[in-house]
């Protein structure tokens, strides 16, 4: 058991660490809004390791009477029955605080009962890098008493704000500079520390995610195999994948592939996109599209920017769509679309019962560079969902227009928007 003095030291040093970082680093306001933190309800911030969860929690409470406890600190390797000693230490060094921030408390088995007991009088924020925070135990002990938020790495808008650049989209020089920043953003990704440390941070953070958040947490027996599968999936970002095919490539069971894929999702490393179908059974049976949480990771462990800019653009759009769903409109559903004639649309956006938008992504600088199959698939999908009258959008690298097009007897209005402008426009 940790001594009371070591717990106190860990609490005091955590707060001082945040204050020192705030002085020397540029903490920007994040787009994820957490407006109300109150007693009786725990605010839970999850997301991939080192995307800024702890800093967000600090910014939410920096002018409040708050205490910060980091359970990745080796001095706080406790058991659930010892958590009350943490509360006692907080009272002794901070007095009767209003807010308590617990980082990575899910590392302690049985933490949920402790939180359920203290939320009656304290405003609690919990941060963690694994979906285990949303476990069945949490649902049991905190039913209806937790609000969950998912934080992503920097969006392109946050990246520009972090770099203290606010573009005027009507100035040619600002547009040129924005596109240059976008190239850097695609190459480096959106983890805040990458801009201070460089790509080596992405490499080390990825290793921590795989080793600590997956292999150690789930006690994976075949760690090397899991790492190989992770790199395979990252290298196939934006592609259709089949668990059956992967199982044959690596000569392991389909169930193991599914299990490992769930681990990647729980650690927020990868996302899988289902094919749209009105029958849920068909959605699950169809191949999935895989996307990585960060293009910096893809460049470090998958393919390079110069090799496949189109797939990196698509991955960036996918993550931005997931981000917008998480931050601004949880009612959105995101799929890809493919019919029996192999007409494929990168993204189908559904809200309620209505197909709202159909999106293609292409690395094109002019209309002539856009492949006919991209347009043909959009118009075919529009015909299928004509009652919903979805917006047709093609996200390009540097081509903007709006055209009424007719293709093999099918017609529709298509908007063409450069990636940089789509990313900036909410």
Foldseek 3Di string as FASTA:
>chain_A
DFDLVLLLVQFVVVLVVLVVCVVVADDDADLFDDPDFAFLAEEEEEEAPQQCPVVNVCVVDVVFLEIEEECVPPSNPDELVCVVSSVVSCCVNRNPGAEYEYEAPVVHPPNLQVCLVPRNRHGYYYYYQFLCVVPVVNCVSSPVRYDYAYDAFDFLVRVCVSVVHDADPVDPVSVVVLLVVVVVCLQAWRRVCCVVVNLVVVVVSVVCLLVPQFCVVVVDPPSVLLVVVLLVLLQQALHWDDLVVVCVVSVHDSVVSVVSVVSCVRSQQKDWAFEDDPDVVVRVVGTIHMAGRISNNSCVRHPHCVVPVQSSLLNSVVNLVVVCCRRPNVQKGWHWYADPVGLTFSIFIDGDPAGAATEAEDADQEPVPDDPSNVVSQQVVCVVRVVRNHAAEYEYQHDFDWDFDADPNTTDIYTYHYSSVVSVDD
